[in-house]
N, C-alpha and C. Protein backbone atom coordinates (compact mmCIF):
# COMPACT_ATOMS: atom_id res chain seq x y z
N MET A 1 8.28 -31.45 2.54
CA MET A 1 7.93 -31.35 1.08
C MET A 1 6.57 -30.91 1.33
N THR A 2 5.77 -29.92 0.53
CA THR A 2 4.28 -29.86 0.77
C THR A 2 3.79 -30.39 -0.57
N LYS A 3 2.62 -31.15 -0.32
CA LYS A 3 1.70 -32.33 -0.77
C LYS A 3 1.36 -31.11 -2.12
N THR A 4 0.87 -31.89 -3.22
CA THR A 4 0.26 -31.15 -4.22
C THR A 4 -1.10 -31.06 -3.79
N LYS A 5 -2.00 -29.48 -4.16
CA LYS A 5 -2.98 -29.50 -3.95
C LYS A 5 -3.87 -29.86 -5.27
N SER A 6 -4.92 -30.16 -4.72
CA SER A 6 -6.21 -30.43 -6.12
C SER A 6 -6.93 -29.11 -6.12
N THR A 7 -7.32 -28.45 -7.25
CA THR A 7 -8.07 -27.38 -6.99
C THR A 7 -8.88 -27.37 -8.32
N THR A 8 -9.54 -26.49 -8.00
CA THR A 8 -10.67 -25.78 -9.50
C THR A 8 -9.64 -24.57 -10.01
N ASN A 9 -10.49 -24.65 -11.23
CA ASN A 9 -9.15 -23.46 -11.84
C ASN A 9 -9.27 -22.60 -11.53
N PRO A 10 -10.67 -21.41 -10.77
CA PRO A 10 -10.93 -20.22 -10.24
C PRO A 10 -9.65 -20.51 -9.12
N GLY A 11 -9.93 -21.89 -8.25
CA GLY A 11 -8.86 -21.55 -7.46
C GLY A 11 -7.34 -21.86 -7.42
N CYS A 12 -6.92 -22.10 -8.53
CA CYS A 12 -5.29 -21.94 -8.91
C CYS A 12 -4.25 -20.76 -8.79
N ALA A 13 -5.48 -19.37 -8.58
CA ALA A 13 -4.81 -18.25 -8.86
C ALA A 13 -4.52 -18.01 -6.64
N HIS A 14 -5.21 -18.48 -6.13
CA HIS A 14 -4.63 -18.21 -4.55
C HIS A 14 -3.09 -19.59 -4.29
N HIS A 15 -3.30 -21.03 -5.16
CA HIS A 15 -2.17 -21.42 -4.73
C HIS A 15 -1.23 -21.07 -5.90
N ALA A 16 -1.12 -20.26 -6.51
CA ALA A 16 0.15 -20.00 -7.40
C ALA A 16 0.41 -18.50 -6.53
N TYR A 17 -0.32 -17.73 -5.37
CA TYR A 17 0.19 -16.37 -5.12
C TYR A 17 0.98 -17.32 -4.12
N THR A 18 0.26 -18.26 -3.17
CA THR A 18 1.35 -18.59 -2.18
C THR A 18 2.01 -19.82 -3.17
N THR A 19 2.52 -19.77 -3.76
CA THR A 19 3.39 -21.14 -4.15
C THR A 19 3.37 -21.98 -3.78
N THR A 20 1.86 -22.61 -3.65
CA THR A 20 1.77 -23.86 -3.10
C THR A 20 1.63 -24.56 -4.53
N PRO A 21 2.43 -25.89 -4.50
CA PRO A 21 2.25 -26.72 -5.45
C PRO A 21 0.94 -27.28 -5.70
N PHE A 22 0.13 -27.01 -6.90
CA PHE A 22 -1.15 -27.65 -7.54
C PHE A 22 -1.53 -27.97 -8.66
N HIS A 23 -2.87 -28.51 -8.95
CA HIS A 23 -2.86 -29.48 -9.89
C HIS A 23 -4.28 -28.58 -9.82
N ASN A 24 -5.01 -28.33 -11.43
CA ASN A 24 -6.35 -28.57 -11.73
C ASN A 24 -7.40 -29.61 -11.54
N ILE A 25 -8.42 -30.02 -11.60
CA ILE A 25 -8.65 -31.34 -11.46
C ILE A 25 -8.82 -31.88 -12.58
N ASN A 26 -8.53 -31.60 -13.92
CA ASN A 26 -8.23 -32.27 -14.70
C ASN A 26 -6.64 -32.12 -14.93
N ARG A 27 -5.81 -31.51 -14.08
CA ARG A 27 -4.79 -31.76 -14.37
C ARG A 27 -3.74 -31.43 -15.74
N THR A 28 -4.56 -30.37 -16.27
CA THR A 28 -3.98 -29.22 -17.32
C THR A 28 -3.18 -27.96 -17.26
N LEU A 29 -3.60 -27.45 -15.86
CA LEU A 29 -3.04 -26.67 -15.20
C LEU A 29 -2.67 -26.72 -13.43
N PHE A 30 -1.11 -26.87 -13.86
CA PHE A 30 -0.27 -26.93 -12.43
C PHE A 30 0.67 -26.16 -12.11
N GLY A 31 1.54 -26.13 -11.09
CA GLY A 31 2.21 -25.21 -10.16
C GLY A 31 3.39 -26.07 -9.29
N GLN A 32 4.46 -25.63 -9.33
CA GLN A 32 5.68 -26.99 -8.87
C GLN A 32 7.14 -26.29 -8.72
N TRP A 33 7.31 -26.18 -7.67
CA TRP A 33 8.86 -25.69 -7.58
C TRP A 33 9.94 -26.45 -7.89
N GLU A 34 10.22 -26.02 -9.03
CA GLU A 34 11.70 -26.95 -9.81
C GLU A 34 12.71 -26.29 -9.28
N THR A 35 13.12 -25.53 -8.72
CA THR A 35 14.21 -25.61 -7.48
C THR A 35 13.81 -24.72 -6.72
N PRO A 36 14.80 -24.95 -5.23
CA PRO A 36 13.94 -24.35 -4.36
C PRO A 36 14.08 -22.64 -4.17
N TRP A 37 14.41 -21.92 -5.24
CA TRP A 37 14.62 -20.63 -5.39
C TRP A 37 13.20 -20.64 -6.62
N LEU A 38 12.66 -21.08 -7.45
CA LEU A 38 11.94 -21.12 -8.63
C LEU A 38 10.99 -21.86 -8.98
N TYR A 39 9.23 -21.18 -8.48
CA TYR A 39 8.49 -21.79 -8.47
C TYR A 39 7.57 -21.44 -9.85
N VAL A 40 7.15 -22.44 -10.46
CA VAL A 40 6.45 -22.31 -12.21
C VAL A 40 5.20 -22.55 -12.64
N VAL A 41 4.14 -22.25 -12.67
CA VAL A 41 2.65 -22.38 -13.51
C VAL A 41 2.80 -22.67 -14.56
N TYR A 42 2.28 -24.11 -15.06
CA TYR A 42 2.42 -24.54 -16.26
C TYR A 42 1.03 -24.81 -16.86
N SER A 43 1.01 -24.31 -18.46
CA SER A 43 -0.26 -24.99 -19.13
C SER A 43 -0.23 -25.79 -19.29
N TYR A 44 -1.02 -26.87 -19.39
CA TYR A 44 -1.08 -28.69 -20.72
C TYR A 44 0.01 -29.32 -20.40
N SER A 45 1.79 -28.58 -20.16
CA SER A 45 2.79 -29.41 -19.98
C SER A 45 3.74 -28.69 -19.52
N LYS A 46 5.11 -29.17 -19.61
CA LYS A 46 6.39 -28.29 -18.87
C LYS A 46 6.99 -27.59 -19.66
N ASN A 47 6.03 -27.31 -21.68
CA ASN A 47 6.48 -26.87 -22.48
C ASN A 47 5.81 -25.41 -22.65
N CYS A 48 4.93 -25.64 -21.75
CA CYS A 48 4.37 -24.07 -21.80
C CYS A 48 4.08 -23.47 -20.69
N PRO A 49 5.30 -22.78 -19.73
CA PRO A 49 5.19 -21.86 -18.38
C PRO A 49 4.52 -21.07 -18.44
N LEU A 50 3.43 -20.49 -17.82
CA LEU A 50 2.64 -19.37 -17.80
C LEU A 50 3.27 -18.02 -16.54
N PHE A 51 3.75 -18.35 -15.47
CA PHE A 51 4.18 -17.71 -14.52
C PHE A 51 5.24 -18.54 -14.14
N VAL A 52 6.14 -17.43 -13.86
CA VAL A 52 7.40 -18.01 -12.95
C VAL A 52 7.91 -16.97 -11.79
N TYR A 53 7.90 -17.70 -10.76
CA TYR A 53 8.60 -16.70 -9.50
C TYR A 53 9.63 -16.85 -8.82
N GLU A 54 10.39 -15.94 -9.11
CA GLU A 54 11.91 -16.18 -8.36
C GLU A 54 11.85 -15.89 -7.30
N LYS A 55 12.46 -16.57 -6.15
CA LYS A 55 12.28 -16.60 -4.65
C LYS A 55 13.39 -15.16 -4.19
N VAL A 56 14.20 -15.59 -4.72
CA VAL A 56 15.37 -14.28 -4.61
C VAL A 56 15.27 -13.15 -5.37
N GLY A 57 14.19 -12.10 -4.62
CA GLY A 57 14.15 -11.22 -5.38
C GLY A 57 12.52 -11.21 -5.50
N GLY A 58 11.41 -11.87 -5.26
CA GLY A 58 10.50 -11.78 -5.29
C GLY A 58 9.75 -11.02 -6.38
N THR A 59 10.38 -11.85 -7.82
CA THR A 59 9.69 -11.71 -8.97
C THR A 59 9.55 -12.45 -9.66
N TRP A 60 7.75 -11.96 -9.93
CA TRP A 60 7.01 -12.92 -10.84
C TRP A 60 6.84 -12.42 -12.22
N MET A 61 7.18 -13.29 -13.27
CA MET A 61 7.06 -13.20 -14.86
C MET A 61 5.67 -14.10 -15.55
N VAL A 62 5.91 -13.22 -16.50
CA VAL A 62 4.44 -13.90 -17.13
C VAL A 62 5.03 -13.99 -18.22
N ASN A 63 3.99 -15.06 -18.85
CA ASN A 63 4.03 -15.76 -20.50
C ASN A 63 3.55 -14.70 -21.27
N ALA A 64 4.09 -13.82 -22.43
CA ALA A 64 3.51 -12.60 -22.69
C ALA A 64 3.29 -13.29 -24.47
N ASP A 65 3.82 -14.53 -24.67
CA ASP A 65 3.82 -14.53 -25.90
C ASP A 65 1.90 -15.29 -26.41
N LYS A 66 1.24 -14.87 -27.56
CA LYS A 66 0.05 -14.83 -27.87
C LYS A 66 0.17 -16.45 -27.70
N ALA A 67 -1.39 -16.95 -27.16
CA ALA A 67 -1.82 -18.58 -26.68
C ALA A 67 -2.94 -18.59 -27.50
N SER A 68 -3.33 -20.09 -27.11
CA SER A 68 -4.38 -20.43 -27.93
C SER A 68 -5.70 -19.92 -26.95
N ARG A 69 -6.75 -20.12 -27.18
CA ARG A 69 -7.76 -19.70 -26.52
C ARG A 69 -7.55 -20.39 -24.91
N THR A 70 -7.39 -21.65 -24.61
CA THR A 70 -7.25 -22.56 -23.54
C THR A 70 -6.39 -21.47 -22.49
N THR A 71 -4.96 -21.72 -23.19
CA THR A 71 -3.68 -21.33 -22.66
C THR A 71 -4.30 -19.90 -22.18
N SER A 72 -4.59 -19.00 -22.74
CA SER A 72 -4.77 -18.25 -22.21
C SER A 72 -6.15 -17.72 -21.21
N LYS A 73 -7.04 -18.34 -21.05
CA LYS A 73 -7.94 -18.81 -20.63
C LYS A 73 -6.94 -19.22 -19.12
N HIS A 74 -6.34 -20.25 -19.04
CA HIS A 74 -5.60 -20.50 -17.80
C HIS A 74 -4.64 -19.75 -17.54
N ARG A 75 -3.70 -18.69 -18.24
CA ARG A 75 -3.18 -17.34 -17.92
C ARG A 75 -4.14 -16.59 -17.10
N GLY A 76 -5.58 -16.20 -17.50
CA GLY A 76 -6.44 -15.33 -16.36
C GLY A 76 -6.52 -15.96 -15.27
N GLN A 77 -6.95 -17.34 -15.30
CA GLN A 77 -7.48 -17.95 -14.22
C GLN A 77 -6.33 -18.48 -12.92
N ALA A 78 -5.03 -18.65 -13.68
CA ALA A 78 -3.96 -19.25 -12.79
C ALA A 78 -3.04 -17.57 -12.73
N TRP A 79 -3.81 -16.52 -12.51
CA TRP A 79 -2.78 -15.02 -12.51
C TRP A 79 -2.61 -15.16 -11.31
N PRO A 80 -1.35 -15.30 -9.92
CA PRO A 80 -0.90 -15.16 -8.80
C PRO A 80 -2.19 -13.78 -8.22
N ARG A 81 -2.68 -14.07 -7.31
CA ARG A 81 -3.54 -12.77 -7.16
C ARG A 81 -4.00 -13.30 -5.54
N GLU A 82 -4.09 -11.67 -4.52
CA GLU A 82 -4.20 -11.81 -3.14
C GLU A 82 -5.76 -11.09 -3.75
N GLY A 83 -6.99 -12.18 -3.25
CA GLY A 83 -8.37 -11.71 -3.48
C GLY A 83 -8.57 -11.18 -4.72
N LEU A 84 -8.66 -10.09 -5.06
CA LEU A 84 -8.85 -9.46 -6.64
C LEU A 84 -7.98 -8.40 -7.59
N VAL A 85 -6.69 -8.81 -6.30
CA VAL A 85 -5.33 -7.72 -6.64
C VAL A 85 -4.39 -9.14 -7.32
N ARG A 86 -4.32 -8.86 -8.53
CA ARG A 86 -2.73 -9.59 -9.20
C ARG A 86 -1.86 -8.92 -9.07
N VAL A 87 -0.71 -9.81 -8.73
CA VAL A 87 0.57 -9.75 -8.65
C VAL A 87 1.21 -8.66 -9.74
N PRO A 88 1.72 -7.85 -9.70
CA PRO A 88 2.36 -7.37 -11.31
C PRO A 88 3.65 -8.40 -11.62
N ALA A 89 3.66 -8.73 -12.58
CA ALA A 89 4.52 -9.43 -13.20
C ALA A 89 4.63 -8.85 -14.65
N GLN A 90 6.28 -9.58 -14.72
CA GLN A 90 7.28 -8.76 -15.72
C GLN A 90 6.73 -9.45 -17.29
N PRO A 91 6.43 -9.25 -18.02
CA PRO A 91 6.42 -9.91 -19.04
C PRO A 91 7.47 -10.63 -20.09
N ARG A 92 7.89 -11.81 -20.33
CA ARG A 92 8.27 -12.18 -20.87
C ARG A 92 8.56 -13.14 -22.09
N SER A 93 9.42 -13.95 -22.84
CA SER A 93 8.49 -14.78 -23.94
C SER A 93 8.86 -16.08 -23.17
N CYS A 94 8.00 -17.02 -24.09
CA CYS A 94 8.23 -18.37 -23.63
C CYS A 94 9.82 -18.95 -23.69
N ALA A 95 10.53 -18.66 -24.88
CA ALA A 95 11.54 -19.25 -25.13
C ALA A 95 12.86 -18.65 -23.89
N TRP A 96 12.02 -17.74 -23.00
CA TRP A 96 13.06 -16.65 -22.46
C TRP A 96 13.06 -17.18 -20.92
N LEU A 97 11.35 -18.04 -20.43
CA LEU A 97 11.12 -18.42 -19.44
C LEU A 97 11.80 -19.51 -19.34
N LYS A 98 12.00 -20.36 -20.33
CA LYS A 98 12.08 -21.84 -20.45
C LYS A 98 13.41 -22.01 -20.12
N GLU A 99 14.36 -20.79 -20.88
CA GLU A 99 15.71 -20.80 -20.62
C GLU A 99 16.24 -20.22 -19.08
N LEU A 100 14.93 -19.79 -18.62
CA LEU A 100 15.06 -19.43 -16.83
C LEU A 100 15.28 -20.48 -16.44
N ILE A 101 14.12 -21.30 -16.52
CA ILE A 101 13.96 -22.66 -15.68
C ILE A 101 15.41 -23.52 -16.00
N TYR A 102 15.67 -23.71 -17.22
CA TYR A 102 16.79 -24.69 -17.33
C TYR A 102 17.76 -24.31 -16.65
N ASP A 103 18.32 -22.88 -16.84
CA ASP A 103 19.39 -22.40 -16.10
C ASP A 103 19.35 -22.86 -14.18
N HIS A 104 18.24 -22.24 -13.86
CA HIS A 104 17.98 -22.65 -12.30
C HIS A 104 17.81 -24.18 -11.89
N GLN A 105 17.79 -25.41 -12.98
CA GLN A 105 17.71 -26.72 -13.04
C GLN A 105 19.65 -27.00 -12.88
N ARG A 106 19.93 -26.37 -13.74
CA ARG A 106 21.50 -26.55 -13.65
C ARG A 106 22.37 -26.02 -12.92
N ALA A 107 21.59 -24.90 -12.27
CA ALA A 107 22.61 -24.62 -10.77
C ALA A 107 22.21 -25.38 -9.86
N TRP A 108 21.01 -25.67 -9.68
CA TRP A 108 20.70 -26.31 -8.62
C TRP A 108 21.16 -27.94 -9.02
N GLN A 109 21.50 -28.48 -9.63
CA GLN A 109 21.79 -29.69 -10.35
C GLN A 109 23.47 -29.86 -9.66
N PHE A 110 24.60 -28.74 -9.77
CA PHE A 110 25.61 -28.58 -9.47
C PHE A 110 25.83 -27.99 -7.92
N GLU A 111 25.23 -27.43 -7.16
CA GLU A 111 25.16 -26.54 -5.99
C GLU A 111 25.15 -28.10 -5.11
N PRO A 112 26.05 -27.68 -4.11
CA PRO A 112 25.73 -28.60 -2.89
C PRO A 112 24.55 -28.73 -2.17
N HIS A 113 23.89 -29.62 -1.81
CA HIS A 113 22.76 -29.25 -0.99
C HIS A 113 22.37 -31.04 -0.83
N THR A 114 21.42 -31.11 0.15
CA THR A 114 20.67 -32.05 1.11
C THR A 114 19.46 -32.02 0.84
N ALA A 115 19.04 -32.75 0.05
CA ALA A 115 17.71 -33.10 0.06
C ALA A 115 17.58 -34.49 -0.39
């Protein structure tokens, strides 16, 4: 298991891009693997997924709902990118992303695995 990295807000984008578990210095922005197939970047709590990466298919999704000023700032800072190039991400609602996360967690719960 990869150790969670502590980083500055601008450093979050690189950790998100490499799907490395991270949190910013004040722990209001963090990314983690929810299942072996699903990586999620959150703002403030698990109630607000900003980005979701589905390993199968290599698809990034972004929460496109209107957000507070600070959460919008988090979205800009944590947008997964290599250098200055942002990864393309499919816009989804917060409710849609939370349902996807829940579905993956339920599937993982019933999947035979060793961990």
